[in-house]
Protein backbone atom coordinates (compact mmCIF):
# COMPACT_ATOMS: atom_id res chain seq x y z
CA MET A 1 49.42 45.00 123.55
CA GLU A 2 50.21 47.90 121.23
CA ALA A 3 52.57 47.80 118.25
CA LEU A 4 54.05 50.49 116.04
CA VAL A 5 54.91 49.58 112.45
CA LEU A 6 57.01 52.20 110.69
CA VAL A 7 56.69 52.14 106.91
CA GLY A 8 59.66 53.12 104.79
CA HIS A 9 59.75 53.50 101.03
CA GLY A 10 62.68 51.15 100.46
CA SER A 11 65.53 51.56 98.03
CA ARG A 12 68.03 49.59 96.00
CA LEU A 13 70.62 51.34 98.16
CA PRO A 14 70.84 50.41 101.86
CA HIS A 15 70.52 53.96 103.22
CA SER A 16 66.73 54.21 103.13
CA LYS A 17 66.09 51.05 105.14
CA ASN A 18 68.98 51.81 107.48
CA VAL A 19 67.55 55.21 108.42
CA VAL A 20 64.05 53.82 109.03
CA THR A 21 65.53 50.96 111.07
CA GLU A 22 67.57 53.44 113.12
CA VAL A 23 64.43 55.51 113.76
CA ALA A 24 62.66 52.30 114.89
CA GLU A 25 65.53 51.41 117.25
CA LYS A 26 65.43 54.87 118.83
CA ILE A 27 61.65 54.62 119.30
CA LYS A 28 62.06 51.13 120.83
CA ALA A 29 64.55 52.57 123.31
CA ARG A 30 61.86 54.96 124.61
CA ASN A 31 59.65 52.02 125.68
CA ILE A 32 56.39 53.61 124.53
CA TYR A 33 55.11 50.69 122.43
CA ASP A 34 55.22 47.00 123.29
CA ILE A 35 56.58 46.17 119.83
CA VAL A 36 58.19 48.32 117.12
CA GLU A 37 58.78 46.93 113.63
CA VAL A 38 59.70 48.26 110.19
CA GLY A 39 57.92 47.38 106.94
CA MET A 40 59.18 48.46 103.53
CA MET A 41 57.05 49.36 100.51
CA GLU A 42 59.48 48.11 97.91
CA PHE A 43 63.00 46.79 97.28
CA ASN A 44 63.62 45.71 100.89
CA GLU A 45 62.35 43.21 103.42
CA PRO A 46 60.38 42.86 105.56
CA THR A 47 57.36 43.96 103.58
CA ILE A 48 54.51 45.86 105.22
CA PRO A 49 52.34 42.72 105.49
CA GLU A 50 55.28 40.74 106.93
CA ALA A 51 55.90 43.40 109.59
CA ILE A 52 52.21 43.55 110.52
CA LYS A 53 51.94 39.76 110.66
CA LYS A 54 55.00 39.65 112.92
CA VAL A 55 53.52 42.08 115.46
CA ILE A 56 50.12 40.36 115.40
CA ASP A 57 51.78 36.96 115.86
CA ALA A 58 53.62 38.48 118.84
CA GLY A 59 50.26 39.39 120.40
CA ALA A 60 49.55 42.97 119.31
CA LYS A 61 45.87 43.90 119.60
CA LYS A 62 46.40 47.43 118.29
CA VAL A 63 48.71 48.04 115.32
CA ILE A 64 49.60 51.64 114.52
CA VAL A 65 51.03 51.98 111.02
CA THR A 66 53.01 55.19 110.53
CA PRO A 67 54.70 56.12 107.26
CA VAL A 68 58.18 57.57 107.68
CA PHE A 69 57.54 59.94 104.78
CA LEU A 70 57.76 63.70 104.82
CA ALA A 71 54.91 64.54 102.46
CA PRO A 72 51.63 62.91 101.51
CA GLY A 73 51.58 61.48 98.00
CA ASN A 74 50.65 58.47 95.93
CA HIS A 75 52.37 56.08 98.31
CA THR A 76 50.82 57.37 101.54
CA GLU A 77 47.39 58.12 100.06
CA ARG A 78 46.90 55.10 97.79
CA ASP A 79 49.62 52.44 97.78
CA ILE A 80 50.01 51.87 101.52
CA PRO A 81 46.23 52.02 102.19
CA LYS A 82 45.76 49.44 99.40
CA ILE A 83 48.29 47.13 101.04
CA LEU A 84 46.49 47.64 104.36
CA GLY A 85 43.12 46.91 102.73
CA ILE A 86 41.70 50.31 103.70
CA TYR A 87 41.95 52.20 100.40
CA GLU A 88 38.68 53.94 99.60
CA GLY A 89 39.57 55.75 96.36
CA ASP A 90 39.23 54.61 92.78
CA ASP A 91 41.93 53.44 90.42
CA ASP A 92 41.08 55.41 87.31
CA CYS A 93 44.19 57.57 87.74
CA GLY A 94 41.97 60.62 88.05
CA HIS A 95 44.30 62.10 90.62
CA HIS A 96 43.22 65.37 92.15
CA HIS A 97 46.78 66.36 92.93
CA HIS A 98 49.88 66.53 90.81
CA HIS A 99 52.93 64.46 91.58
CA ASP A 100 55.82 62.87 89.74
CA HIS A 101 54.08 59.54 89.20
CA ASP A 102 52.03 59.46 86.05
CA CYS A 103 49.21 57.03 85.44
CA GLU A 104 51.35 54.60 83.44
CA HIS A 105 54.13 54.58 85.99
CA HIS A 106 54.21 51.46 88.10
CA HIS A 107 57.10 50.28 90.12
CA HIS A 108 57.17 47.05 91.99
CA HIS A 109 55.58 47.51 95.37
CA HIS A 110 54.97 44.55 97.57
CA ASP A 111 51.32 45.32 96.86
CA THR A 112 50.39 41.88 95.63
CA GLU A 113 50.45 40.99 99.31
CA LYS A 114 47.59 42.14 101.44
CA VAL A 115 47.44 42.41 105.19
CA ASP A 116 45.22 39.91 106.96
CA ILE A 117 43.86 41.51 110.11
CA PRO A 118 42.29 38.96 112.44
CA GLU A 119 39.15 39.67 114.45
CA GLY A 120 39.95 41.57 117.62
CA VAL A 121 42.96 43.43 116.19
CA GLU A 122 42.65 47.16 115.58
CA LEU A 123 44.62 48.64 112.67
CA VAL A 124 45.29 52.38 112.74
CA TYR A 125 46.93 54.21 109.83
CA ARG A 126 48.56 57.58 110.48
CA LYS A 127 49.53 60.52 108.25
CA PRO A 128 53.08 61.30 107.08
CA MET A 129 55.10 63.92 108.96
CA GLY A 130 54.20 67.03 106.95
CA ALA A 131 55.51 70.54 107.57
CA ASP A 132 55.59 70.06 111.34
CA ASP A 133 57.54 72.73 113.24
CA ARG A 134 59.91 70.02 114.46
CA ILE A 135 60.74 69.20 110.82
CA ILE A 136 61.35 72.92 110.16
CA ASP A 137 63.88 72.94 113.02
CA ILE A 138 65.74 70.00 111.46
CA VAL A 139 65.76 71.66 108.01
CA LEU A 140 67.16 74.86 109.54
CA ASP A 141 69.78 72.88 111.49
CA ARG A 142 70.89 71.16 108.26
CA ALA A 143 70.95 74.51 106.42
CA ASN A 144 73.21 75.84 109.18
CA GLY A 145 75.55 72.88 108.87
CA LEU A 146 74.37 71.19 112.07
């Protein structure tokens, strides 16, 4: 059984979770994956570990974790992999790329929780969306008022 877990950033406002949940519902409707769940990095429930536990408890043997983020950054490259237990970098804040998060900046992620992956379950972590041509089409549609 194959599960898709979409990861959203989360927000104090409901819009972020609502959009990710709506994306999940539309993916569910396509009947590609046996289970589709949403996990939020911060501010909202369920957390990433809760969402992964839910799909594993439901029988998933392959869990595909996909961030619903446009660009790679601290969250997709460090924070989410840490939560998943697959982070291979160091924590000395010697970032090789510039972003808006400085070394002293910490917000509350649900990162005290770690995912427990039982034997026989495959965890796959995917990249964020990036500058995919399909994203370009959406940006142009929005620019044209569509």
